[in-house]
C-alpha atoms as a PDB file:
ATOM      1  CA  MET A   1      -5.194 -12.545 -17.441  1.00  0.00           C
ATOM      2  CA  VAL A   2      -7.078 -12.093 -14.225  1.00  0.00           C
ATOM      3  CA  SER A   3      -5.462 -15.704 -12.809  1.00  0.00           C
ATOM      4  CA  ARG A   4      -1.779 -14.727 -13.886  1.00  0.00           C
ATOM      5  CA  VAL A   5      -2.341 -11.715 -10.623  1.00  0.00           C
ATOM      6  CA  PRO A   6      -1.076 -14.380  -8.227  1.00  0.00           C
ATOM      7  CA  ASP A   7       1.940 -14.650  -9.959  1.00  0.00           C
ATOM      8  CA  TYR A   8       2.555 -11.117  -9.350  1.00  0.00           C
ATOM      9  CA  VAL A   9       2.118 -10.685  -5.739  1.00  0.00           C
ATOM     10  CA  ASP A  10       4.574 -11.176  -3.049  1.00  0.00           C
ATOM     11  CA  ALA A  11       2.387 -12.392  -0.691  1.00  0.00           C
ATOM     12  CA  ASP A  12       4.463 -11.394   2.430  1.00  0.00           C
ATOM     13  CA  ALA A  13       5.073  -8.061   1.003  1.00  0.00           C
ATOM     14  CA  LEU A  14       1.478  -7.591   1.391  1.00  0.00           C
ATOM     15  CA  LEU A  15       0.705  -9.328   4.857  1.00  0.00           C
ATOM     16  CA  ASP A  16       3.424  -6.708   6.161  1.00  0.00           C
ATOM     17  CA  LEU A  17       1.489  -3.792   3.837  1.00  0.00           C
ATOM     18  CA  ALA A  18      -2.036  -5.122   5.955  1.00  0.00           C
ATOM     19  CA  GLN A  19      -0.424  -5.059   9.510  1.00  0.00           C
ATOM     20  CA  GLY A  20       1.290  -1.724   8.642  1.00  0.00           C
ATOM     21  CA  MET A  21      -2.242  -0.255   8.124  1.00  0.00           C
ATOM     22  CA  VAL A  22      -4.301  -1.785  10.704  1.00  0.00           C
ATOM     23  CA  ARG A  23      -2.102  -0.407  13.322  1.00  0.00           C
ATOM     24  CA  ILE A  24      -2.474   3.163  12.496  1.00  0.00           C
ATOM     25  CA  PRO A  25      -5.797   5.238  13.282  1.00  0.00           C
ATOM     26  CA  SER A  26      -7.938   6.301  10.786  1.00  0.00           C
ATOM     27  CA  GLN A  27     -11.279   7.075  12.066  1.00  0.00           C
ATOM     28  CA  ILE A  28     -12.140  10.392   9.797  1.00  0.00           C
ATOM     29  CA  PRO A  29     -11.219  12.660   9.827  1.00  0.00           C
ATOM     30  CA  ASN A  30      -7.368  11.426  10.628  1.00  0.00           C
ATOM     31  CA  GLU A  31      -7.050   9.632   8.047  1.00  0.00           C
ATOM     32  CA  GLY A  32      -3.774  11.424   6.841  1.00  0.00           C
ATOM     33  CA  PRO A  33      -0.751   9.422   9.194  1.00  0.00           C
ATOM     34  CA  LEU A  34      -2.641   6.513   6.849  1.00  0.00           C
ATOM     35  CA  ALA A  35      -2.305   8.356   3.545  1.00  0.00           C
ATOM     36  CA  GLU A  36       1.057   9.671   4.122  1.00  0.00           C
ATOM     37  CA  PHE A  37       1.875   5.701   4.924  1.00  0.00           C
ATOM     38  CA  LEU A  38       0.664   4.227   1.946  1.00  0.00           C
ATOM     39  CA  ALA A  39       1.895   7.402  -0.114  1.00  0.00           C
ATOM     40  CA  ALA A  40       5.841   6.396   1.276  1.00  0.00           C
ATOM     41  CA  HIS A  41       4.692   2.693   0.401  1.00  0.00           C
ATOM     42  CA  MET A  42       3.498   3.431  -3.169  1.00  0.00           C
ATOM     43  CA  PRO A  43       7.090   3.161  -5.028  1.00  0.00           C
ATOM     44  CA  GLU A  44       8.119  -0.359  -3.443  1.00  0.00           C
ATOM     45  CA  GLY A  45       5.380  -1.344  -5.012  1.00  0.00           C
ATOM     46  CA  SER A  46       5.448  -0.447  -8.336  1.00  0.00           C
ATOM     47  CA  PHE A  47       2.633   1.940  -7.705  1.00  0.00           C
ATOM     48  CA  ALA A  48       5.347   5.704  -8.476  1.00  0.00           C
ATOM     49  CA  HIS A  49       3.638   6.400 -11.671  1.00  0.00           C
ATOM     50  CA  VAL A  50      -0.002   6.683  -9.407  1.00  0.00           C
ATOM     51  CA  ILE A  51       1.692   9.265  -7.752  1.00  0.00           C
ATOM     52  CA  GLY A  52       4.021  10.855  -9.956  1.00  0.00           C
ATOM     53  CA  GLY A  53       7.000   9.331  -9.607  1.00  0.00           C
ATOM     54  CA  PHE A  54       7.385  10.096  -6.287  1.00  0.00           C
END
């Protein structure tokens, strides 16, 4: 099962997400902007069920 994971990963989208994440300052206690960025991108990555379908 784990060996099939790469079949479902969009490498370009993952790279774009990682680049977006590192551009956002997120030192404690200012993690809010990063959290909002990730929440906005969760539906694109099929994570809607994790955040209640937003």
